[in-house]
């Protein structure tokens, strides 16, 4: 191991610094998460005598929905964690504050490090330095570390001190040395998080955790009880022909944003999108009380979905587009939750007669003028006001089912709220994450410091 020589200035023990580097490697091998690694490193560095007052780190997660993480550690205050959900393209017009940040300067000039003294008078080069001066910081060192060949994954951050005279040269050498170990440790944590993010996004939270826990062989699974939701768009073939491919994909995404979002909350999990429809479940224990909670959560989500579809169709009418009709089937029962498919190509979902019955209930919305139809079993668990449509013979099911729909006057006002999901304003940390993500796809013009 390379020794860190700073004893000449008496700042830090080289032995203790090497112990921090060893701890980072041990934390990576133990599978520690990013928060634990960042906080543990900062506290250990401070304990060695490195004069750190503030550390800021951001990480590119390569999440399919563009989740990013930012961390700020301050001496005596601990670690603050920020999570972000970004849009597809923030590079077209990044905020002025970010364009004038040290991070943007590093990226636009393809630099690894940027150091600035903050203990002198006069105008500042970057707006963040005004804030750091107010915090009595005297020195600042920013850096960027990519995780290998891919420019879309990496770490950026900064070290700040309030020590009189700033960082010594040997302290800077120590930080750069630790930075390499930090990059290795956080890369492993990011990859672990990426695997979890991917499985959660594509399989759902419960299914993703089951796969990560080892349920990866064909036939692996459990019998569970769940409230079941199957939804489908009506007239999709006609829409696809009239709108064209690109416009229809936009319609599908708008449809899923409106109708599917409520079913991915409050215990609900969307397991799969089936063309222009989806399957969602609310797993529960095999007792009445948990079954009631699951069914009530599902019917509340159905009410929210109906309200959101009203808003979506109002927007479409205003844009001169045709409305979207839909059907939702609600049921409850025991299902097999596990892997099926080929030996080398599997899917993780729910299977069984209850799923088939939920699908048949959804198809009845073509027969009746209601968008939401449920089984008697589901309605009994929910309570509330229901209207009986009749007894139906479901295809492939021996006994007849009583089918019902929920009265709109039984909807609670709070479940009718259909305001669009809002995203928090993006901070500089999020802009860094998104910029790293798209770095390989975007040219950065150095003359005017704007992104194209």
Protein backbone atom coordinates (compact mmCIF):
# COMPACT_ATOMS: atom_id res chain seq x y z
CA UNK A 1 0.00 0.00 0.00
CA UNK A 2 1.25 3.49 -0.84
CA UNK A 3 2.02 5.46 2.28
CA UNK A 4 0.76 9.02 2.61
CA UNK A 5 3.53 11.37 3.69
CA UNK A 6 2.17 14.38 5.57
CA UNK A 7 3.97 13.98 8.84
CA UNK A 8 6.26 16.91 7.86
CA UNK A 9 3.40 19.31 8.58
CA UNK A 10 2.10 17.34 11.54
CA UNK A 11 -1.43 17.40 10.14
CA UNK A 12 -2.51 13.76 10.19
CA UNK A 13 -1.21 10.36 11.15
CA UNK A 14 -0.27 8.34 8.06
CA UNK A 15 -1.13 5.18 9.96
CA UNK A 16 -4.64 6.44 10.66
CA UNK A 17 -5.11 7.52 7.05
CA UNK A 18 -4.13 4.06 5.86
CA UNK A 19 -6.69 2.66 8.29
CA UNK A 20 -9.37 4.84 6.65
CA UNK A 21 -8.36 3.48 3.25
CA UNK A 22 -8.53 -0.09 4.61
CA UNK A 23 -11.95 0.61 6.10
CA UNK A 24 -13.26 1.81 2.74
CA UNK A 25 -12.20 -1.44 1.10
CA UNK A 26 -13.74 -3.49 3.92
CA UNK A 27 -17.00 -1.52 3.69
CA UNK A 28 -17.13 -2.13 -0.06
CA UNK A 29 -16.59 -5.87 0.36
CA UNK A 30 -19.24 -5.99 3.10
CA UNK A 31 -21.80 -4.44 0.75
CA UNK A 32 -22.34 -1.23 2.74
CA UNK A 33 -24.66 1.31 1.14
CA UNK A 34 -23.58 4.73 -0.12
CA UNK A 35 -24.81 6.61 2.92
CA UNK A 36 -22.86 4.42 5.32
CA UNK A 37 -19.70 4.61 3.20
CA UNK A 38 -19.80 8.40 2.77
CA UNK A 39 -20.65 9.15 6.40
CA UNK A 40 -18.14 6.61 7.72
CA UNK A 41 -15.35 8.00 5.57
CA UNK A 42 -16.03 11.63 6.51
CA UNK A 43 -16.16 10.91 10.24
CA UNK A 44 -13.00 8.80 10.10
CA UNK A 45 -11.10 11.40 8.10
CA UNK A 46 -12.10 14.07 10.61
CA UNK A 47 -10.98 11.79 13.45
CA UNK A 48 -7.52 11.44 11.90
CA UNK A 49 -7.03 15.19 12.04
CA UNK A 50 -7.68 16.06 8.37
CA UNK A 51 -9.05 19.63 8.67
CA UNK A 52 -12.33 19.04 6.81
CA UNK A 53 -15.27 21.33 7.53
CA UNK A 54 -17.53 20.34 4.62
CA UNK A 55 -17.66 17.48 2.10
CA UNK A 56 -20.10 17.33 -0.81
CA UNK A 57 -20.55 14.25 -3.03
CA UNK A 58 -22.92 13.36 -5.86
CA UNK A 59 -23.33 10.00 -7.57
CA UNK A 60 -24.71 8.94 -10.92
CA UNK A 61 -27.07 6.01 -10.30
CA UNK A 62 -27.99 5.14 -13.92
CA UNK A 63 -31.53 4.47 -12.72
CA UNK A 64 -34.13 3.85 -15.49
CA UNK A 65 -36.22 6.63 -13.94
CA UNK A 66 -33.14 8.85 -13.39
CA UNK A 67 -32.89 8.77 -9.61
CA UNK A 68 -29.78 10.51 -8.26
CA UNK A 69 -28.20 10.86 -4.82
CA UNK A 70 -26.36 13.76 -3.24
CA UNK A 71 -24.61 13.93 0.15
CA UNK A 72 -23.37 16.88 2.19
CA UNK A 73 -21.33 16.30 5.35
CA UNK A 74 -20.54 19.16 7.72
CA UNK A 75 -18.33 18.91 10.76
CA UNK A 76 -20.45 18.66 13.90
CA UNK A 77 -23.70 18.34 11.90
CA UNK A 78 -23.30 14.97 10.24
CA UNK A 79 -24.60 13.88 6.84
CA UNK A 80 -27.53 15.25 4.85
CA UNK A 81 -28.88 13.04 2.05
CA UNK A 82 -30.87 14.21 -0.94
CA UNK A 83 -32.71 12.03 -3.42
CA UNK A 84 -33.80 13.31 -6.81
CA UNK A 85 -36.11 12.18 -9.56
CA UNK A 86 -35.07 13.91 -12.75
CA UNK A 87 -36.59 14.39 -16.16
CA UNK A 88 -35.22 12.96 -19.38
CA UNK A 89 -33.34 16.01 -20.58
CA UNK A 90 -32.10 18.75 -18.28
CA UNK A 91 -29.17 19.60 -20.50
CA UNK A 92 -31.08 21.69 -23.03
CA UNK A 93 -31.32 24.62 -20.62
CA UNK A 94 -29.49 24.05 -17.32
CA UNK A 95 -30.10 26.73 -14.69
CA UNK A 96 -27.78 29.69 -14.62
CA UNK A 97 -26.53 28.84 -11.13
CA UNK A 98 -25.35 25.44 -12.29
CA UNK A 99 -23.68 26.85 -15.40
CA UNK A 100 -21.65 29.02 -13.05
CA UNK A 101 -20.71 26.21 -10.66
CA UNK A 102 -17.29 24.56 -10.19
CA UNK A 103 -18.78 21.21 -11.21
CA UNK A 104 -19.90 22.56 -14.56
CA UNK A 105 -16.46 24.10 -15.04
CA UNK A 106 -14.82 20.72 -14.41
CA UNK A 107 -17.07 18.95 -16.89
CA UNK A 108 -16.91 21.57 -19.60
CA UNK A 109 -13.11 21.70 -19.47
CA UNK A 110 -12.56 17.95 -18.99
CA UNK A 111 -10.67 18.49 -15.72
CA UNK A 112 -10.12 16.11 -12.81
CA UNK A 113 -9.57 18.71 -10.07
CA UNK A 114 -10.19 22.37 -9.32
CA UNK A 115 -8.70 24.16 -6.30
CA UNK A 116 -9.53 27.69 -5.16
CA UNK A 117 -8.44 29.64 -2.08
CA UNK A 118 -11.37 31.33 -0.38
CA UNK A 119 -9.56 33.42 2.25
CA UNK A 120 -8.78 36.38 0.00
CA UNK A 121 -10.87 39.47 -0.62
CA UNK A 122 -12.51 40.44 -3.90
CA UNK A 123 -15.11 39.03 -6.26
CA UNK A 124 -15.71 35.28 -6.33
CA UNK A 125 -15.40 33.06 -9.38
CA UNK A 126 -18.42 30.86 -8.61
CA UNK A 127 -21.59 31.74 -6.64
CA UNK A 128 -21.13 28.81 -4.25
CA UNK A 129 -17.97 30.48 -2.97
CA UNK A 130 -20.05 33.31 -1.50
CA UNK A 131 -21.87 30.78 0.66
CA UNK A 132 -18.64 29.03 1.63
CA UNK A 133 -17.04 32.34 2.59
CA UNK A 134 -20.02 33.04 4.85
CA UNK A 135 -19.28 29.69 6.49
CA UNK A 136 -15.65 30.87 6.95
CA UNK A 137 -14.20 28.32 4.54
CA UNK A 138 -10.65 29.11 3.49
CA UNK A 139 -9.91 26.50 0.81
CA UNK A 140 -11.89 24.41 -1.69
CA UNK A 141 -10.94 21.37 -3.79
CA UNK A 142 -13.45 19.93 -6.31
CA UNK A 143 -12.95 16.70 -8.23
CA UNK A 144 -14.55 14.25 -10.66
CA UNK A 145 -14.07 10.48 -10.82
CA UNK A 146 -15.64 8.37 -13.56
CA UNK A 147 -16.28 4.70 -12.88
CA UNK A 148 -14.16 3.26 -15.66
CA UNK A 149 -14.73 3.78 -19.37
CA UNK A 150 -18.37 4.84 -19.13
CA UNK A 151 -18.80 8.62 -18.82
CA UNK A 152 -22.39 8.15 -17.62
CA UNK A 153 -21.42 6.73 -14.24
CA UNK A 154 -19.24 8.43 -11.72
CA UNK A 155 -18.70 10.54 -8.63
CA UNK A 156 -18.18 14.26 -8.25
CA UNK A 157 -17.55 16.20 -5.10
CA UNK A 158 -15.63 18.76 -3.14
CA UNK A 159 -13.54 19.07 0.03
CA UNK A 160 -13.67 22.33 2.00
CA UNK A 161 -11.74 23.51 5.06
CA UNK A 162 -11.97 26.45 7.45
CA UNK A 163 -8.36 26.05 8.57
CA UNK A 164 -6.29 29.22 8.54
CA UNK A 165 -3.99 28.95 5.55
CA UNK A 166 -6.18 26.36 3.84
CA UNK A 167 -5.07 22.90 2.78
CA UNK A 168 -1.38 22.04 2.81
CA UNK A 169 0.06 20.34 -0.25
CA UNK A 170 0.48 17.10 1.65
CA UNK A 171 -3.12 17.23 2.90
CA UNK A 172 -4.27 17.61 -0.70
CA UNK A 173 -2.15 14.57 -1.59
CA UNK A 174 -3.82 12.65 1.24
CA UNK A 175 -7.31 13.61 0.06
CA UNK A 176 -6.54 12.56 -3.52
CA UNK A 177 -5.22 9.24 -2.24
CA UNK A 178 -8.35 8.63 -0.14
CA UNK A 179 -10.48 9.80 -3.06
CA UNK A 180 -9.29 6.83 -5.15
CA UNK A 181 -10.27 4.37 -2.43
CA UNK A 182 -13.59 6.18 -2.04
CA UNK A 183 -14.23 5.86 -5.78
CA UNK A 184 -13.70 2.09 -5.65
CA UNK A 185 -15.92 1.65 -2.58
CA UNK A 186 -18.72 3.84 -3.89
CA UNK A 187 -18.59 2.23 -7.32
CA UNK A 188 -19.41 -1.11 -5.73
CA UNK A 189 -22.20 0.49 -3.70
CA UNK A 190 -23.56 2.21 -6.82
CA UNK A 191 -23.56 -1.07 -8.74
CA UNK A 192 -25.40 -2.77 -5.89
CA UNK A 193 -27.90 0.08 -5.85
CA UNK A 194 -28.20 -0.10 -9.62
CA UNK A 195 -29.06 -3.80 -9.45
CA UNK A 196 -31.70 -3.07 -6.84
CA UNK A 197 -33.05 -0.10 -8.84
CA UNK A 198 -33.27 -2.13 -12.04
CA UNK A 199 -35.07 -5.03 -10.40
CA UNK A 200 -37.46 -2.72 -8.57
CA UNK A 201 -38.22 -0.74 -11.74
CA UNK A 202 -38.73 -3.72 -14.01
CA UNK A 203 -40.15 -6.27 -11.56
CA UNK A 204 -41.63 -4.23 -8.72
CA UNK A 205 -40.44 -3.84 -5.15
CA UNK A 206 -41.49 -7.20 -3.71
CA UNK A 207 -40.57 -9.22 -6.80
CA UNK A 208 -37.21 -7.45 -7.06
CA UNK A 209 -36.34 -8.21 -3.45
CA UNK A 210 -37.34 -11.84 -3.94
CA UNK A 211 -35.00 -12.16 -6.91
CA UNK A 212 -32.16 -10.47 -4.99
CA UNK A 213 -32.76 -12.84 -2.08
CA UNK A 214 -32.21 -15.85 -4.33
CA UNK A 215 -35.54 -16.78 -5.96
CA UNK A 216 -34.00 -17.05 -9.41
CA UNK A 217 -34.74 -20.62 -10.51
CA UNK A 218 -37.71 -21.60 -12.63
CA UNK A 219 -40.50 -22.69 -10.31
CA UNK A 220 -39.26 -20.73 -7.29
CA UNK A 221 -42.12 -18.93 -5.58
CA UNK A 222 -44.75 -18.84 -2.86
CA UNK A 223 -48.51 -18.95 -2.59
CA UNK A 224 -49.72 -15.58 -1.31
CA UNK A 225 -53.00 -13.78 -0.90
CA UNK A 226 -53.47 -10.50 -2.74
CA UNK A 227 -55.94 -7.97 -4.03
CA UNK A 228 -55.61 -8.07 -7.82
CA UNK A 229 -55.96 -5.28 -10.37
CA UNK A 230 -55.99 -5.70 -14.14
CA UNK A 231 -56.51 -2.64 -16.32
CA UNK A 232 -56.63 -2.15 -20.06
CA UNK A 233 -57.02 0.62 -22.62
CA UNK A 234 -60.03 0.49 -24.91
CA UNK A 235 -59.79 1.16 -28.65
CA UNK A 236 -56.00 1.04 -28.66
CA UNK A 237 -55.76 -0.41 -32.17
CA UNK A 238 -57.77 2.47 -33.60
CA UNK A 239 -55.65 4.99 -31.67
CA UNK A 240 -52.42 3.41 -32.89
CA UNK A 241 -53.56 3.60 -36.51
CA UNK A 242 -54.84 7.17 -36.29
CA UNK A 243 -51.99 8.69 -34.26
CA UNK A 244 -48.93 6.99 -35.72
CA UNK A 245 -46.16 5.20 -33.86
CA UNK A 246 -44.44 8.06 -32.01
CA UNK A 247 -47.64 9.83 -31.01
CA UNK A 248 -49.19 6.56 -29.86
CA UNK A 249 -46.20 5.78 -27.63
CA UNK A 250 -46.72 9.19 -26.05
CA UNK A 251 -50.40 8.37 -25.60
CA UNK A 252 -49.53 5.06 -23.93
CA UNK A 253 -47.15 6.75 -21.51
CA UNK A 254 -49.70 9.45 -20.69
CA UNK A 255 -52.32 6.74 -20.15
CA UNK A 256 -50.07 4.77 -17.80
CA UNK A 257 -49.02 7.93 -15.93
CA UNK A 258 -52.67 8.70 -15.28
CA UNK A 259 -54.18 5.31 -14.58
CA UNK A 260 -51.31 3.17 -13.28
CA UNK A 261 -49.53 5.55 -10.90
CA UNK A 262 -52.04 5.19 -8.02
CA UNK A 263 -51.68 1.39 -8.09
CA UNK A 264 -47.93 1.61 -7.47
CA UNK A 265 -48.37 3.19 -4.04
CA UNK A 266 -49.73 2.35 -0.58
CA UNK A 267 -48.77 -1.30 -0.77
CA UNK A 268 -49.58 -1.76 -4.45
CA UNK A 269 -47.06 -3.13 -6.94
CA UNK A 270 -47.32 -3.09 -10.70
CA UNK A 271 -45.85 -6.41 -11.76
CA UNK A 272 -46.09 -6.07 -15.52
CA UNK A 273 -47.31 -3.92 -18.38
CA UNK A 274 -49.13 -6.05 -20.92
CA UNK A 275 -49.28 -4.11 -24.18
CA UNK A 276 -51.76 -1.34 -23.34
CA UNK A 277 -52.69 -2.74 -19.94
CA UNK A 278 -51.10 -3.72 -16.64
CA UNK A 279 -51.31 -6.14 -13.74
CA UNK A 280 -50.98 -4.87 -10.15
CA UNK A 281 -51.16 -6.66 -6.81
CA UNK A 282 -51.64 -5.73 -3.15
CA UNK A 283 -50.11 -8.68 -1.25
CA UNK A 284 -51.58 -9.36 2.19
CA UNK A 285 -51.77 -11.97 4.94
CA UNK A 286 -54.49 -14.63 4.81
CA UNK A 287 -56.74 -13.02 7.41
CA UNK A 288 -59.71 -10.72 7.11
CA UNK A 289 -58.15 -7.51 8.41
CA UNK A 290 -55.11 -7.47 6.07
CA UNK A 291 -57.37 -8.52 3.17
CA UNK A 292 -59.65 -5.57 3.96
CA UNK A 293 -56.71 -3.17 3.98
CA UNK A 294 -55.42 -4.48 0.66
CA UNK A 295 -58.81 -4.29 -1.06
CA UNK A 296 -59.56 -0.81 0.29
CA UNK A 297 -56.17 0.41 -0.91
CA UNK A 298 -56.90 -1.05 -4.35
CA UNK A 299 -60.36 0.51 -4.65
CA UNK A 300 -59.06 3.89 -3.43
CA UNK A 301 -56.40 3.68 -6.15
CA UNK A 302 -59.15 2.88 -8.67
CA UNK A 303 -61.01 6.04 -7.64
CA UNK A 304 -57.83 8.09 -8.00
CA UNK A 305 -57.14 6.52 -11.39
CA UNK A 306 -60.66 7.41 -12.56
CA UNK A 307 -60.20 11.04 -11.50
CA UNK A 308 -56.80 11.22 -13.20
CA UNK A 309 -58.29 9.81 -16.40
CA UNK A 310 -60.94 12.55 -16.32
CA UNK A 311 -58.15 15.12 -16.21
CA UNK A 312 -56.18 13.39 -18.97
CA UNK A 313 -59.19 13.23 -21.29
CA UNK A 314 -59.99 16.88 -20.61
CA UNK A 315 -56.45 17.77 -21.68
CA UNK A 316 -56.75 15.61 -24.78
CA UNK A 317 -60.04 17.23 -25.78
CA UNK A 318 -58.44 20.64 -25.37
CA UNK A 319 -55.65 19.54 -27.71
CA UNK A 320 -58.11 18.23 -30.30
CA UNK A 321 -57.33 14.58 -29.49
CA UNK A 322 -59.77 11.74 -28.93
CA UNK A 323 -60.56 10.53 -25.42
CA UNK A 324 -59.13 7.32 -23.99
CA UNK A 325 -61.50 4.75 -22.56
CA UNK A 326 -60.42 2.00 -20.21
CA UNK A 327 -61.52 -0.91 -18.03
CA UNK A 328 -60.39 -2.03 -14.57
CA UNK A 329 -61.10 -5.41 -12.97
CA UNK A 330 -60.78 -5.88 -9.18
CA UNK A 331 -60.57 -9.23 -7.43
CA UNK A 332 -58.97 -10.94 -4.42
CA UNK A 333 -57.62 -14.43 -3.96
CA UNK A 334 -54.68 -16.77 -3.50
CA UNK A 335 -52.03 -16.68 -6.24
CA UNK A 336 -48.67 -18.21 -7.01
CA UNK A 337 -45.99 -15.50 -6.81
CA UNK A 338 -42.84 -16.71 -8.55
CA UNK A 339 -40.80 -17.58 -11.64
CA UNK A 340 -42.06 -19.19 -14.82
CA UNK A 341 -40.78 -19.33 -18.39
CA UNK A 342 -37.86 -20.88 -20.19
CA UNK A 343 -34.80 -22.20 -18.44
CA UNK A 344 -32.82 -19.19 -19.71
CA UNK A 345 -35.59 -16.58 -19.90
CA UNK A 346 -37.89 -16.11 -16.91
CA UNK A 347 -40.55 -13.72 -15.74
CA UNK A 348 -41.56 -13.04 -12.14
CA UNK A 349 -45.28 -12.52 -11.69
CA UNK A 350 -48.47 -13.91 -10.13
CA UNK A 351 -50.36 -16.85 -11.57
CA UNK A 352 -53.46 -18.85 -10.81
CA UNK A 353 -57.22 -18.96 -11.23
CA UNK A 354 -57.73 -15.70 -9.31
CA UNK A 355 -55.60 -13.84 -11.87
CA UNK A 356 -57.63 -15.34 -14.71
CA UNK A 357 -60.85 -14.29 -12.97
CA UNK A 358 -59.57 -10.72 -12.53
CA UNK A 359 -58.87 -10.60 -16.26
CA UNK A 360 -62.41 -11.81 -17.07
CA UNK A 361 -63.84 -9.13 -14.75
CA UNK A 362 -61.86 -6.47 -16.59
CA UNK A 363 -63.30 -7.70 -19.91
CA UNK A 364 -66.83 -7.17 -18.54
CA UNK A 365 -66.26 -3.41 -18.72
CA UNK A 366 -66.81 -3.90 -22.47
CA UNK A 367 -70.29 -5.27 -21.75
CA UNK A 368 -71.36 -2.85 -19.03
CA UNK A 369 -71.14 0.96 -19.13
CA UNK A 370 -68.84 1.05 -16.10
CA UNK A 371 -65.06 1.47 -16.13
CA UNK A 372 -64.50 -0.40 -12.85
CA UNK A 373 -65.98 -3.83 -12.10
CA UNK A 374 -65.24 -5.99 -9.05
CA UNK A 375 -66.12 -9.42 -7.75
CA UNK A 376 -68.42 -9.95 -4.77
CA UNK A 377 -65.46 -11.22 -2.73
CA UNK A 378 -63.54 -8.01 -3.36
CA UNK A 379 -66.53 -5.77 -2.55
CA UNK A 380 -67.24 -7.66 0.69
CA UNK A 381 -63.73 -6.91 1.94
CA UNK A 382 -63.91 -3.24 0.91
CA UNK A 383 -67.21 -2.23 2.40
CA UNK A 384 -68.72 1.01 1.14
CA UNK A 385 -71.43 1.45 -1.48
CA UNK A 386 -71.58 -0.98 -4.39
CA UNK A 387 -74.16 -1.55 -7.11
CA UNK A 388 -74.80 -5.09 -8.31
CA UNK A 389 -74.67 -5.56 -12.08
CA UNK A 390 -75.67 -9.22 -12.11
CA UNK A 391 -74.30 -12.73 -12.04
CA UNK A 392 -71.92 -13.57 -14.83
CA UNK A 393 -70.44 -16.75 -16.19
CA UNK A 394 -66.75 -15.98 -16.61
CA UNK A 395 -65.01 -17.78 -19.45
CA UNK A 396 -63.18 -20.82 -18.18
CA UNK A 397 -64.65 -20.52 -14.67
CA UNK A 398 -67.13 -23.11 -13.45
CA UNK A 399 -69.28 -21.10 -11.04
CA UNK A 400 -71.00 -17.81 -11.76
CA UNK A 401 -69.72 -14.62 -10.15
CA UNK A 402 -71.72 -11.70 -8.80
CA UNK A 403 -70.18 -8.57 -10.28
CA UNK A 404 -70.49 -5.02 -8.95
CA UNK A 405 -69.24 -1.51 -9.47
CA UNK A 406 -68.50 1.19 -6.84
CA UNK A 407 -70.90 4.09 -6.48
CA UNK A 408 -69.18 7.41 -7.16
CA UNK A 409 -71.00 9.03 -4.24
CA UNK A 410 -69.07 6.73 -1.95
CA UNK A 411 -65.71 8.13 -3.03
CA UNK A 412 -63.89 10.05 -0.35
CA UNK A 413 -62.95 13.58 -1.42
CA UNK A 414 -59.26 12.98 -0.78
CA UNK A 415 -59.21 10.04 -3.20
CA UNK A 416 -60.53 12.28 -5.97
CA UNK A 417 -57.49 14.53 -5.85
CA UNK A 418 -55.88 14.24 -9.24
CA UNK A 419 -53.29 16.94 -9.33
CA UNK A 420 -50.30 15.91 -11.42
CA UNK A 421 -47.35 14.46 -9.58
CA UNK A 422 -44.87 17.23 -8.98
CA UNK A 423 -41.12 16.97 -8.88
CA UNK A 424 -39.04 19.02 -6.46
CA UNK A 425 -36.89 21.75 -7.86
CA UNK A 426 -33.54 20.42 -8.95
CA UNK A 427 -30.49 21.47 -6.97
CA UNK A 428 -26.94 21.76 -8.23
CA UNK A 429 -26.30 18.23 -7.00
CA UNK A 430 -29.06 16.83 -9.20
CA UNK A 431 -27.85 18.78 -12.20
CA UNK A 432 -24.43 17.19 -11.76
CA UNK A 433 -25.95 13.72 -11.68
CA UNK A 434 -28.01 14.31 -14.78
CA UNK A 435 -25.09 15.95 -16.57
CA UNK A 436 -22.88 12.94 -15.82
CA UNK A 437 -25.62 10.66 -17.05
CA UNK A 438 -25.84 12.36 -20.42
CA UNK A 439 -22.18 13.34 -20.79
CA UNK A 440 -21.57 10.75 -23.48
CA UNK A 441 -24.50 11.99 -25.54
CA UNK A 442 -23.95 15.74 -25.34
CA UNK A 443 -21.37 18.16 -26.66
CA UNK A 444 -20.30 20.91 -24.24
CA UNK A 445 -19.37 24.22 -25.84
CA UNK A 446 -16.53 25.82 -23.97
CA UNK A 447 -16.84 29.28 -25.44
CA UNK A 448 -20.18 30.21 -23.87
CA UNK A 449 -20.38 27.51 -21.16
CA UNK A 450 -23.80 26.38 -22.38
CA UNK A 451 -24.97 22.88 -23.19
CA UNK A 452 -26.24 21.86 -26.60
